N, C-alpha and C. Protein backbone atom coordinates (compact mmCIF):
# COMPACT_ATOMS: atom_id res chain seq x y z
N MET A 1 0.85 -1.20 0.00
CA MET A 1 0.00 0.00 0.00
C MET A 1 0.89 1.24 0.00
N SER A 2 0.64 2.20 -0.90
CA SER A 2 1.46 3.40 -0.97
C SER A 2 1.06 4.38 0.11
N THR A 3 2.00 5.23 0.51
CA THR A 3 1.75 6.22 1.55
C THR A 3 1.92 7.60 0.97
N ALA A 4 0.97 8.49 1.18
CA ALA A 4 1.06 9.87 0.69
C ALA A 4 1.45 10.76 1.85
N PHE A 5 2.38 11.65 1.63
CA PHE A 5 2.82 12.57 2.67
C PHE A 5 2.27 13.95 2.35
N THR A 6 1.58 14.54 3.32
CA THR A 6 1.00 15.86 3.14
C THR A 6 1.62 16.80 4.15
N PHE A 7 1.96 18.01 3.70
CA PHE A 7 2.69 18.93 4.54
C PHE A 7 1.82 20.14 4.86
N ALA A 8 2.11 20.78 6.00
CA ALA A 8 1.42 22.01 6.36
C ALA A 8 1.78 23.08 5.35
N PRO A 9 0.96 24.16 5.22
CA PRO A 9 1.16 25.14 4.16
C PRO A 9 2.55 25.71 4.09
N SER A 10 3.22 25.95 5.19
CA SER A 10 4.53 26.58 5.14
C SER A 10 5.68 25.58 5.26
N SER A 11 5.38 24.29 5.26
CA SER A 11 6.42 23.30 5.48
C SER A 11 7.31 23.15 4.26
N THR A 12 8.60 23.02 4.49
CA THR A 12 9.56 22.72 3.43
C THR A 12 10.46 21.61 3.90
N ILE A 13 11.03 20.89 2.94
CA ILE A 13 11.95 19.80 3.26
C ILE A 13 13.32 20.15 2.73
N LEU A 14 14.33 20.02 3.56
CA LEU A 14 15.69 20.30 3.15
C LEU A 14 16.37 18.99 2.78
N TRP A 15 17.00 18.99 1.62
CA TRP A 15 17.48 17.71 1.10
C TRP A 15 18.82 17.86 0.40
N ARG A 16 19.77 17.00 0.66
CA ARG A 16 21.01 16.88 -0.10
C ARG A 16 21.00 15.52 -0.78
N ALA A 17 21.22 15.48 -2.08
CA ALA A 17 21.11 14.21 -2.81
C ALA A 17 22.29 13.32 -2.47
N ALA A 18 22.02 12.26 -1.76
CA ALA A 18 23.05 11.28 -1.45
C ALA A 18 23.23 10.31 -2.60
N THR A 19 22.13 9.99 -3.26
CA THR A 19 22.17 9.14 -4.45
C THR A 19 21.16 9.68 -5.42
N ARG A 20 21.17 9.18 -6.64
CA ARG A 20 20.21 9.62 -7.64
C ARG A 20 18.88 8.91 -7.47
N SER A 21 18.85 7.86 -6.65
CA SER A 21 17.61 7.13 -6.42
C SER A 21 17.11 7.46 -5.03
N LEU A 22 15.95 8.14 -4.96
CA LEU A 22 15.41 8.59 -3.68
C LEU A 22 14.02 8.03 -3.48
N SER A 23 13.71 7.68 -2.26
CA SER A 23 12.34 7.33 -1.89
C SER A 23 11.77 8.44 -1.05
N ALA A 24 10.46 8.42 -0.82
CA ALA A 24 9.84 9.46 0.02
C ALA A 24 10.39 9.40 1.43
N PHE A 25 10.68 8.18 1.92
CA PHE A 25 11.22 8.06 3.27
C PHE A 25 12.62 8.66 3.34
N ALA A 26 13.43 8.44 2.31
CA ALA A 26 14.77 9.01 2.30
C ALA A 26 14.71 10.51 2.25
N LEU A 27 13.75 11.05 1.51
CA LEU A 27 13.59 12.49 1.41
C LEU A 27 13.25 13.09 2.76
N LEU A 28 12.38 12.44 3.50
CA LEU A 28 12.01 12.96 4.83
C LEU A 28 13.19 12.89 5.78
N ALA A 29 14.04 11.88 5.64
CA ALA A 29 15.15 11.70 6.57
C ALA A 29 16.30 12.65 6.31
N ALA A 30 16.46 13.07 5.04
CA ALA A 30 17.59 13.93 4.70
C ALA A 30 17.29 15.36 5.11
N GLY A 31 18.37 16.22 5.16
CA GLY A 31 18.10 17.60 5.52
C GLY A 31 19.27 18.51 5.39
N ALA A 32 19.87 18.61 4.20
CA ALA A 32 21.06 19.42 4.13
C ALA A 32 21.05 20.46 3.03
N VAL A 33 20.16 20.42 2.05
CA VAL A 33 20.15 21.42 1.01
C VAL A 33 19.23 22.54 1.44
N ALA A 34 19.79 23.67 1.75
CA ALA A 34 19.00 24.77 2.31
C ALA A 34 18.09 25.37 1.26
N GLY A 35 16.81 25.51 1.59
CA GLY A 35 15.90 26.32 0.82
C GLY A 35 15.18 25.64 -0.32
N THR A 36 15.28 24.34 -0.51
CA THR A 36 14.55 23.68 -1.59
C THR A 36 13.23 23.18 -1.07
N ALA A 37 12.12 23.70 -1.60
CA ALA A 37 10.79 23.30 -1.17
C ALA A 37 10.30 22.17 -2.06
N VAL A 38 9.71 21.14 -1.44
CA VAL A 38 9.30 19.94 -2.16
C VAL A 38 7.83 19.66 -1.91
N GLN A 39 7.09 19.29 -2.95
CA GLN A 39 5.73 18.81 -2.79
C GLN A 39 5.76 17.31 -3.06
N ALA A 40 5.46 16.49 -2.05
CA ALA A 40 5.62 15.05 -2.17
C ALA A 40 4.37 14.35 -2.63
N ALA A 41 3.20 14.99 -2.52
CA ALA A 41 1.96 14.36 -2.95
C ALA A 41 1.14 15.36 -3.75
N PRO A 42 0.45 14.90 -4.80
CA PRO A 42 -0.36 15.82 -5.61
C PRO A 42 -1.35 16.58 -4.73
N GLY A 43 -1.40 17.89 -4.92
CA GLY A 43 -2.35 18.70 -4.19
C GLY A 43 -1.87 19.13 -2.82
N ALA A 44 -0.74 18.63 -2.36
CA ALA A 44 -0.26 19.02 -1.04
C ALA A 44 0.20 20.46 -1.08
N ALA A 45 -0.10 21.22 -0.03
CA ALA A 45 0.23 22.64 0.00
C ALA A 45 1.65 22.84 0.45
N THR A 46 2.39 23.68 -0.27
CA THR A 46 3.76 24.01 0.11
C THR A 46 4.00 25.48 -0.17
N ALA A 47 5.11 26.00 0.33
CA ALA A 47 5.42 27.40 0.11
C ALA A 47 5.65 27.65 -1.37
N PRO A 48 5.09 28.72 -1.95
CA PRO A 48 5.27 29.00 -3.37
C PRO A 48 6.70 29.39 -3.67
N ALA A 49 7.09 29.27 -4.94
CA ALA A 49 8.46 29.60 -5.34
C ALA A 49 8.79 31.04 -5.03
N SER A 50 7.81 31.94 -5.15
CA SER A 50 8.06 33.35 -4.91
C SER A 50 8.50 33.61 -3.48
N ALA A 51 8.03 32.80 -2.54
CA ALA A 51 8.40 32.98 -1.15
C ALA A 51 9.87 32.69 -0.94
N ALA A 52 10.38 31.68 -1.65
CA ALA A 52 11.79 31.34 -1.51
C ALA A 52 12.67 32.38 -2.17
N SER A 53 12.23 32.87 -3.35
CA SER A 53 13.07 33.80 -4.09
C SER A 53 13.03 35.20 -3.52
N ALA A 54 12.10 35.48 -2.59
CA ALA A 54 11.98 36.82 -2.03
C ALA A 54 13.08 37.11 -1.02
N ALA A 55 13.71 36.09 -0.49
CA ALA A 55 14.75 36.30 0.51
C ALA A 55 15.96 36.98 -0.10
N ALA A 56 16.64 37.77 0.71
CA ALA A 56 17.84 38.45 0.23
C ALA A 56 18.95 37.43 -0.04
N PRO A 57 19.72 37.63 -1.11
CA PRO A 57 20.82 36.71 -1.40
C PRO A 57 21.79 36.62 -0.22
N ALA A 58 22.22 35.43 0.08
CA ALA A 58 23.12 35.23 1.21
C ALA A 58 24.55 35.54 0.80
N VAL A 59 25.32 36.10 1.70
CA VAL A 59 26.75 36.32 1.49
C VAL A 59 27.50 35.51 2.53
N LEU A 60 28.36 34.64 2.07
CA LEU A 60 29.11 33.75 2.95
C LEU A 60 30.59 34.10 2.88
N ASP A 61 31.14 34.54 4.00
CA ASP A 61 32.57 34.85 4.07
C ASP A 61 33.31 33.55 4.39
N LEU A 62 34.10 33.08 3.46
CA LEU A 62 34.81 31.81 3.65
C LEU A 62 35.99 31.93 4.61
N GLY A 63 36.44 33.15 4.83
CA GLY A 63 37.64 33.28 5.65
C GLY A 63 38.80 32.58 4.97
N SER A 64 39.55 31.80 5.72
CA SER A 64 40.69 31.06 5.16
C SER A 64 40.32 29.62 4.83
N LYS A 65 39.05 29.28 4.98
CA LYS A 65 38.61 27.90 4.78
C LYS A 65 38.51 27.56 3.30
N VAL A 66 39.00 26.38 2.94
CA VAL A 66 38.79 25.85 1.60
C VAL A 66 37.40 25.23 1.59
N PRO A 67 36.50 25.73 0.75
CA PRO A 67 35.09 25.29 0.82
C PRO A 67 34.89 23.87 0.31
N ASP A 68 33.79 23.28 0.76
CA ASP A 68 33.39 21.97 0.29
C ASP A 68 32.83 22.09 -1.13
N LEU A 69 33.15 21.13 -1.98
CA LEU A 69 32.71 21.16 -3.37
C LEU A 69 31.19 21.23 -3.48
N THR A 70 30.50 20.43 -2.69
CA THR A 70 29.04 20.41 -2.74
C THR A 70 28.45 21.74 -2.28
N ALA A 71 29.05 22.35 -1.26
CA ALA A 71 28.56 23.63 -0.76
C ALA A 71 28.67 24.71 -1.82
N VAL A 72 29.76 24.70 -2.58
CA VAL A 72 29.94 25.69 -3.64
C VAL A 72 28.93 25.44 -4.76
N LYS A 73 28.76 24.19 -5.14
CA LYS A 73 27.81 23.85 -6.20
C LYS A 73 26.40 24.27 -5.82
N GLU A 74 25.97 23.95 -4.61
CA GLU A 74 24.62 24.29 -4.18
C GLU A 74 24.47 25.78 -3.95
N GLY A 75 25.56 26.45 -3.57
CA GLY A 75 25.49 27.89 -3.35
C GLY A 75 25.39 28.67 -4.65
N LEU A 76 26.18 28.29 -5.65
CA LEU A 76 26.17 29.01 -6.92
C LEU A 76 25.00 28.62 -7.81
N PHE A 77 24.58 27.36 -7.74
CA PHE A 77 23.55 26.85 -8.64
C PHE A 77 22.45 26.12 -7.86
N PRO A 78 21.71 26.81 -7.00
CA PRO A 78 20.69 26.15 -6.18
C PRO A 78 19.56 25.54 -7.00
N GLU A 79 19.33 26.07 -8.20
CA GLU A 79 18.25 25.54 -9.03
C GLU A 79 18.53 24.12 -9.51
N ASP A 80 19.79 23.71 -9.48
CA ASP A 80 20.12 22.33 -9.88
C ASP A 80 19.44 21.31 -8.97
N MET A 81 19.24 21.67 -7.70
CA MET A 81 18.57 20.76 -6.78
C MET A 81 17.12 20.53 -7.18
N CYS A 82 16.49 21.58 -7.71
CA CYS A 82 15.12 21.42 -8.20
C CYS A 82 15.07 20.45 -9.37
N GLU A 83 16.03 20.59 -10.27
CA GLU A 83 16.08 19.69 -11.42
C GLU A 83 16.28 18.25 -10.97
N GLU A 84 17.09 18.06 -9.94
CA GLU A 84 17.34 16.71 -9.43
C GLU A 84 16.07 16.13 -8.80
N LEU A 85 15.34 16.98 -8.07
CA LEU A 85 14.08 16.53 -7.48
C LEU A 85 13.08 16.10 -8.55
N ILE A 86 12.97 16.91 -9.59
CA ILE A 86 12.02 16.61 -10.66
C ILE A 86 12.37 15.28 -11.34
N LYS A 87 13.67 15.06 -11.56
CA LYS A 87 14.11 13.81 -12.18
C LYS A 87 13.70 12.60 -11.34
N ASN A 88 13.60 12.79 -10.03
CA ASN A 88 13.27 11.70 -9.13
C ASN A 88 11.78 11.67 -8.76
N GLY A 89 10.96 12.39 -9.51
CA GLY A 89 9.53 12.28 -9.35
C GLY A 89 8.90 13.22 -8.35
N PHE A 90 9.65 14.20 -7.85
CA PHE A 90 9.10 15.15 -6.90
C PHE A 90 8.88 16.49 -7.57
N LYS A 91 8.05 17.30 -6.96
CA LYS A 91 7.75 18.63 -7.50
C LYS A 91 8.47 19.69 -6.67
N CYS A 92 9.33 20.44 -7.31
CA CYS A 92 10.06 21.51 -6.61
C CYS A 92 9.25 22.80 -6.68
N MET A 93 8.99 23.39 -5.52
CA MET A 93 8.16 24.58 -5.44
C MET A 93 8.97 25.87 -5.29
N GLY A 94 10.27 25.76 -5.30
CA GLY A 94 11.10 26.95 -5.17
C GLY A 94 12.44 26.62 -4.55
N PHE A 95 13.36 27.55 -4.60
CA PHE A 95 14.68 27.30 -4.04
C PHE A 95 15.27 28.61 -3.51
N LYS A 96 16.24 28.45 -2.65
CA LYS A 96 16.91 29.58 -2.02
C LYS A 96 17.73 30.36 -3.04
N PRO A 97 17.82 31.68 -2.92
CA PRO A 97 18.68 32.45 -3.84
C PRO A 97 20.12 31.98 -3.77
N ALA A 98 20.84 32.18 -4.86
CA ALA A 98 22.24 31.77 -4.91
C ALA A 98 23.06 32.52 -3.86
N THR A 99 24.11 31.86 -3.40
CA THR A 99 25.00 32.44 -2.40
C THR A 99 26.14 33.20 -3.07
N THR A 100 26.51 34.33 -2.50
CA THR A 100 27.72 35.04 -2.90
C THR A 100 28.82 34.68 -1.91
N PHE A 101 29.93 34.20 -2.44
CA PHE A 101 31.05 33.79 -1.59
C PHE A 101 32.08 34.91 -1.53
N SER A 102 32.46 35.29 -0.32
CA SER A 102 33.49 36.31 -0.11
C SER A 102 34.77 35.63 0.32
N LEU A 103 35.85 35.90 -0.40
CA LEU A 103 37.15 35.30 -0.10
C LEU A 103 38.04 36.41 0.43
N SER A 104 38.05 36.55 1.75
CA SER A 104 38.66 37.74 2.35
C SER A 104 39.87 37.48 3.23
N ALA A 105 39.91 36.35 3.91
CA ALA A 105 40.97 36.14 4.89
C ALA A 105 42.28 35.69 4.25
N VAL A 106 42.25 35.48 2.94
CA VAL A 106 43.48 35.14 2.21
C VAL A 106 43.81 36.35 1.33
N ALA A 107 43.92 37.50 1.97
CA ALA A 107 43.93 38.79 1.30
C ALA A 107 45.10 38.96 0.34
N PHE A 108 44.86 39.77 -0.68
CA PHE A 108 45.91 40.20 -1.58
C PHE A 108 46.91 41.07 -0.82
N ALA A 109 48.13 41.05 -1.27
CA ALA A 109 49.12 41.96 -0.70
C ALA A 109 48.74 43.39 -1.06
N LEU A 110 49.18 44.32 -0.26
CA LEU A 110 48.86 45.72 -0.47
C LEU A 110 49.31 46.17 -1.86
N GLY A 111 48.37 46.70 -2.64
CA GLY A 111 48.68 47.21 -3.96
C GLY A 111 48.92 46.15 -5.02
N SER A 112 48.62 44.89 -4.72
CA SER A 112 48.94 43.78 -5.62
C SER A 112 47.67 43.06 -6.10
N ALA A 113 47.76 42.53 -7.33
CA ALA A 113 46.71 41.68 -7.87
C ALA A 113 47.18 40.24 -8.03
N VAL A 114 48.36 39.93 -7.49
CA VAL A 114 48.89 38.57 -7.56
C VAL A 114 48.08 37.68 -6.62
N LEU A 115 47.63 36.53 -7.13
CA LEU A 115 46.80 35.63 -6.31
C LEU A 115 47.66 34.91 -5.28
N PRO A 116 47.34 35.04 -4.00
CA PRO A 116 48.06 34.26 -2.98
C PRO A 116 47.79 32.77 -3.15
N ASP A 117 48.73 31.94 -2.74
CA ASP A 117 48.57 30.49 -2.88
C ASP A 117 47.32 29.99 -2.15
N SER A 118 47.04 30.56 -0.99
CA SER A 118 45.87 30.12 -0.22
C SER A 118 44.57 30.47 -0.95
N LEU A 119 44.57 31.58 -1.68
CA LEU A 119 43.40 31.93 -2.48
C LEU A 119 43.24 30.96 -3.64
N LYS A 120 44.34 30.56 -4.23
CA LYS A 120 44.28 29.60 -5.34
C LYS A 120 43.67 28.28 -4.87
N GLN A 121 43.97 27.87 -3.65
CA GLN A 121 43.39 26.63 -3.13
C GLN A 121 41.87 26.73 -3.04
N GLN A 122 41.38 27.88 -2.64
CA GLN A 122 39.93 28.09 -2.61
C GLN A 122 39.35 28.12 -4.02
N LEU A 123 40.03 28.82 -4.91
CA LEU A 123 39.54 28.94 -6.28
C LEU A 123 39.53 27.61 -7.02
N ASP A 124 40.40 26.70 -6.63
CA ASP A 124 40.42 25.38 -7.27
C ASP A 124 39.07 24.68 -7.11
N VAL A 125 38.43 24.87 -5.97
CA VAL A 125 37.12 24.26 -5.74
C VAL A 125 36.07 24.89 -6.65
N PHE A 126 36.10 26.21 -6.77
CA PHE A 126 35.17 26.90 -7.65
C PHE A 126 35.40 26.48 -9.11
N ALA A 127 36.66 26.33 -9.48
CA ALA A 127 36.97 25.92 -10.85
C ALA A 127 36.40 24.54 -11.16
N GLU A 128 36.46 23.64 -10.19
CA GLU A 128 35.93 22.29 -10.39
C GLU A 128 34.42 22.32 -10.62
N VAL A 129 33.73 23.15 -9.85
CA VAL A 129 32.28 23.29 -10.02
C VAL A 129 31.96 23.93 -11.37
N LEU A 130 32.66 24.99 -11.70
CA LEU A 130 32.38 25.72 -12.94
C LEU A 130 32.74 24.89 -14.17
N LYS A 131 33.76 24.08 -14.07
CA LYS A 131 34.15 23.23 -15.20
C LYS A 131 33.01 22.29 -15.60
N ALA A 132 32.27 21.82 -14.60
CA ALA A 132 31.14 20.92 -14.86
C ALA A 132 29.93 21.66 -15.41
N LYS A 133 29.96 22.99 -15.38
CA LYS A 133 28.82 23.80 -15.85
C LYS A 133 29.14 24.53 -17.16
N ARG A 134 30.18 24.12 -17.84
CA ARG A 134 30.55 24.78 -19.09
C ARG A 134 29.37 24.83 -20.06
N GLY A 135 29.16 26.01 -20.65
CA GLY A 135 28.06 26.18 -21.58
C GLY A 135 26.73 26.53 -20.94
N ALA A 136 26.68 26.59 -19.62
CA ALA A 136 25.43 26.92 -18.93
C ALA A 136 25.07 28.39 -19.16
N ALA A 137 23.78 28.69 -19.04
CA ALA A 137 23.30 30.05 -19.28
C ALA A 137 23.59 30.99 -18.10
N GLN A 138 23.76 30.43 -16.90
CA GLN A 138 23.98 31.28 -15.73
C GLN A 138 25.31 32.03 -15.84
N LYS A 139 25.34 33.21 -15.26
CA LYS A 139 26.55 34.02 -15.21
C LYS A 139 27.04 34.13 -13.77
N ILE A 140 28.34 34.02 -13.60
CA ILE A 140 28.97 34.19 -12.29
C ILE A 140 29.72 35.52 -12.29
N ARG A 141 29.41 36.35 -11.30
CA ARG A 141 30.05 37.66 -11.19
C ARG A 141 31.25 37.57 -10.25
N ILE A 142 32.39 38.00 -10.76
CA ILE A 142 33.60 38.08 -9.95
C ILE A 142 33.84 39.56 -9.67
N VAL A 143 33.78 39.93 -8.42
CA VAL A 143 33.91 41.35 -8.05
C VAL A 143 35.19 41.53 -7.25
N GLY A 144 36.04 42.42 -7.73
CA GLY A 144 37.28 42.73 -7.02
C GLY A 144 37.09 43.91 -6.09
N HIS A 145 37.80 43.86 -4.95
CA HIS A 145 37.69 44.91 -3.94
C HIS A 145 39.08 45.37 -3.52
N ALA A 146 39.14 46.59 -3.03
CA ALA A 146 40.39 47.15 -2.49
C ALA A 146 40.11 47.78 -1.14
N ASP A 147 41.17 47.97 -0.36
CA ASP A 147 41.00 48.74 0.87
C ASP A 147 41.08 50.22 0.52
N SER A 148 41.05 51.08 1.51
CA SER A 148 41.00 52.51 1.23
C SER A 148 42.37 53.15 1.09
N SER A 149 43.43 52.33 1.07
CA SER A 149 44.76 52.89 0.83
C SER A 149 44.83 53.42 -0.60
N GLY A 150 45.51 54.52 -0.79
CA GLY A 150 45.63 55.07 -2.13
C GLY A 150 44.42 55.89 -2.53
N ASN A 151 44.43 56.35 -3.79
CA ASN A 151 43.34 57.19 -4.26
C ASN A 151 42.24 56.35 -4.90
N GLU A 152 41.11 56.99 -5.12
CA GLU A 152 39.92 56.28 -5.59
C GLU A 152 40.14 55.65 -6.97
N ALA A 153 40.76 56.40 -7.88
CA ALA A 153 40.98 55.88 -9.23
C ALA A 153 41.92 54.68 -9.22
N GLY A 154 42.98 54.77 -8.41
CA GLY A 154 43.92 53.67 -8.32
C GLY A 154 43.29 52.43 -7.71
N ASN A 155 42.46 52.62 -6.69
CA ASN A 155 41.78 51.49 -6.05
C ASN A 155 40.82 50.81 -7.02
N LEU A 156 40.15 51.60 -7.85
CA LEU A 156 39.21 51.04 -8.81
C LEU A 156 39.95 50.17 -9.83
N GLN A 157 41.07 50.65 -10.32
CA GLN A 157 41.86 49.89 -11.29
C GLN A 157 42.42 48.61 -10.65
N LEU A 158 42.89 48.73 -9.42
CA LEU A 158 43.46 47.58 -8.73
C LEU A 158 42.41 46.51 -8.49
N SER A 159 41.22 46.91 -8.08
CA SER A 159 40.17 45.93 -7.82
C SER A 159 39.74 45.24 -9.12
N GLN A 160 39.74 45.97 -10.22
CA GLN A 160 39.42 45.37 -11.52
C GLN A 160 40.48 44.33 -11.91
N ARG A 161 41.73 44.65 -11.68
CA ARG A 161 42.81 43.70 -11.99
C ARG A 161 42.70 42.44 -11.14
N ARG A 162 42.31 42.59 -9.90
CA ARG A 162 42.14 41.43 -9.03
C ARG A 162 41.03 40.51 -9.55
N ALA A 163 39.92 41.10 -9.96
CA ALA A 163 38.83 40.30 -10.51
C ALA A 163 39.28 39.60 -11.79
N GLU A 164 40.02 40.30 -12.64
CA GLU A 164 40.48 39.72 -13.90
C GLU A 164 41.47 38.58 -13.66
N GLU A 165 42.30 38.71 -12.65
CA GLU A 165 43.26 37.64 -12.33
C GLU A 165 42.53 36.39 -11.85
N VAL A 166 41.47 36.59 -11.07
CA VAL A 166 40.68 35.45 -10.61
C VAL A 166 40.02 34.76 -11.81
N LYS A 167 39.46 35.55 -12.71
CA LYS A 167 38.84 34.96 -13.90
C LYS A 167 39.88 34.19 -14.72
N ARG A 168 41.03 34.76 -14.92
CA ARG A 168 42.08 34.10 -15.70
C ARG A 168 42.46 32.77 -15.07
N TYR A 169 42.57 32.76 -13.77
CA TYR A 169 42.93 31.53 -13.07
C TYR A 169 41.85 30.46 -13.25
N LEU A 170 40.59 30.84 -13.09
CA LEU A 170 39.49 29.89 -13.22
C LEU A 170 39.40 29.34 -14.64
N VAL A 171 39.58 30.20 -15.62
CA VAL A 171 39.53 29.76 -17.02
C VAL A 171 40.67 28.79 -17.31
N ASN A 172 41.85 29.09 -16.80
CA ASN A 172 42.99 28.18 -17.00
C ASN A 172 42.76 26.81 -16.36
N LYS A 173 41.86 26.79 -15.36
CA LYS A 173 41.53 25.54 -14.68
C LYS A 173 40.33 24.83 -15.31
N GLY A 174 39.79 25.41 -16.39
CA GLY A 174 38.73 24.72 -17.10
C GLY A 174 37.37 25.39 -17.09
N ALA A 175 37.22 26.52 -16.40
CA ALA A 175 35.93 27.21 -16.37
C ALA A 175 35.65 27.85 -17.73
N ASP A 176 34.37 28.04 -18.03
CA ASP A 176 33.94 28.66 -19.27
C ASP A 176 34.05 30.18 -19.14
N ALA A 177 34.91 30.79 -19.95
CA ALA A 177 35.11 32.23 -19.85
C ALA A 177 33.83 33.00 -20.09
N GLY A 178 32.93 32.45 -20.93
CA GLY A 178 31.69 33.13 -21.23
C GLY A 178 30.72 33.21 -20.07
N MET A 179 30.94 32.38 -19.05
CA MET A 179 30.07 32.40 -17.87
C MET A 179 30.54 33.41 -16.83
N LEU A 180 31.74 33.95 -16.99
CA LEU A 180 32.34 34.76 -15.94
C LEU A 180 32.34 36.24 -16.31
N GLU A 181 31.76 37.04 -15.45
CA GLU A 181 31.74 38.49 -15.62
C GLU A 181 32.58 39.12 -14.51
N VAL A 182 33.41 40.08 -14.87
CA VAL A 182 34.30 40.69 -13.88
C VAL A 182 34.02 42.18 -13.75
N THR A 183 34.19 42.66 -12.54
CA THR A 183 34.08 44.09 -12.28
C THR A 183 34.88 44.43 -11.04
N GLY A 184 35.31 45.65 -10.95
CA GLY A 184 36.01 46.13 -9.77
C GLY A 184 35.24 47.29 -9.17
N VAL A 185 35.17 47.32 -7.86
CA VAL A 185 34.40 48.38 -7.19
C VAL A 185 35.29 49.25 -6.29
N GLY A 186 36.59 49.06 -6.39
CA GLY A 186 37.49 49.86 -5.56
C GLY A 186 37.26 49.62 -4.08
N SER A 187 37.19 50.69 -3.33
CA SER A 187 36.97 50.59 -1.87
C SER A 187 35.56 51.01 -1.48
N LYS A 188 34.62 50.90 -2.42
CA LYS A 188 33.25 51.35 -2.16
C LYS A 188 32.44 50.39 -1.30
N ASP A 189 32.88 49.15 -1.19
CA ASP A 189 32.10 48.15 -0.45
C ASP A 189 33.05 47.41 0.50
N LEU A 190 33.47 48.08 1.53
CA LEU A 190 34.44 47.52 2.47
C LEU A 190 33.81 46.43 3.33
N LEU A 191 34.52 45.34 3.50
CA LEU A 191 34.05 44.29 4.40
C LEU A 191 34.12 44.76 5.84
N ARG A 192 35.14 45.54 6.16
CA ARG A 192 35.31 46.09 7.51
C ARG A 192 35.38 47.61 7.43
N PRO A 193 34.25 48.28 7.32
CA PRO A 193 34.26 49.74 7.19
C PRO A 193 34.85 50.45 8.40
N GLU A 194 34.81 49.76 9.55
CA GLU A 194 35.39 50.38 10.75
C GLU A 194 36.91 50.37 10.71
N ALA A 195 37.47 49.57 9.80
CA ALA A 195 38.93 49.49 9.63
C ALA A 195 39.22 49.52 8.13
N PRO A 196 39.11 50.68 7.49
CA PRO A 196 39.12 50.77 6.03
C PRO A 196 40.40 50.30 5.35
N THR A 197 41.51 50.24 6.10
CA THR A 197 42.76 49.76 5.49
C THR A 197 43.07 48.31 5.88
N ALA A 198 42.14 47.64 6.53
CA ALA A 198 42.36 46.25 6.96
C ALA A 198 42.55 45.33 5.76
N ALA A 199 43.36 44.31 5.94
CA ALA A 199 43.67 43.38 4.86
C ALA A 199 42.45 42.68 4.32
N GLU A 200 41.46 42.40 5.19
CA GLU A 200 40.25 41.68 4.75
C GLU A 200 39.47 42.43 3.67
N ASN A 201 39.69 43.74 3.57
CA ASN A 201 38.99 44.51 2.55
C ASN A 201 39.57 44.29 1.15
N ARG A 202 40.78 43.74 1.08
CA ARG A 202 41.41 43.43 -0.21
C ARG A 202 41.00 42.00 -0.59
N ARG A 203 39.93 41.87 -1.32
CA ARG A 203 39.30 40.56 -1.50
C ARG A 203 38.60 40.47 -2.84
N VAL A 204 38.05 39.29 -3.11
CA VAL A 204 37.16 39.09 -4.25
C VAL A 204 35.90 38.38 -3.75
N THR A 205 34.82 38.58 -4.46
CA THR A 205 33.59 37.84 -4.20
C THR A 205 33.16 37.16 -5.50
N LEU A 206 32.53 35.99 -5.35
CA LEU A 206 32.00 35.25 -6.49
C LEU A 206 30.55 34.90 -6.20
N GLY A 207 29.68 35.19 -7.12
CA GLY A 207 28.28 34.90 -6.92
C GLY A 207 27.48 35.19 -8.18
N ARG A 208 26.17 35.18 -8.03
CA ARG A 208 25.26 35.43 -9.15
C ARG A 208 24.71 36.85 -9.08
């Protein structure tokens, strides 16, 4: 005898795909993909897609941590989880906005656009995810930042060079250049405005 699962109007299920073959019981037991709403039975009420997309995009500061491959994939391309659910017979009602990743604790040297080795280790994970998405329609924005040292024009140029160096590195690792958009914002968006010359302000962000 089959069992139908019905959820309260605002209920959502968080799921990380452990395998490509999922049962309803496995779906209920899992809980790691943030923000994917699932309708498990026809007519069951769930939160609409607009409710999920209304949330402000999340910004995750990685610090010096090398991110998990799955976390980067789900952060940059959360809609892929919906596609996976549909393939397995479930109805996806919405998903969390993409995450913007801030790479700040492996700061650039003062006045430099040379990628530190620790930053390259983080970017290697992003490159692996992006390599698997070659030809995709989504665009990833690489934004370069500077601290408040120097003048405004110089900071703007420096931040642009930092973003371009990150793009060059990712493309050399297999990412699709057509998916990557670069821009520099100088010192207009400081991570630590209370300490405008702090090293953490010399950073890049990657997101949608």
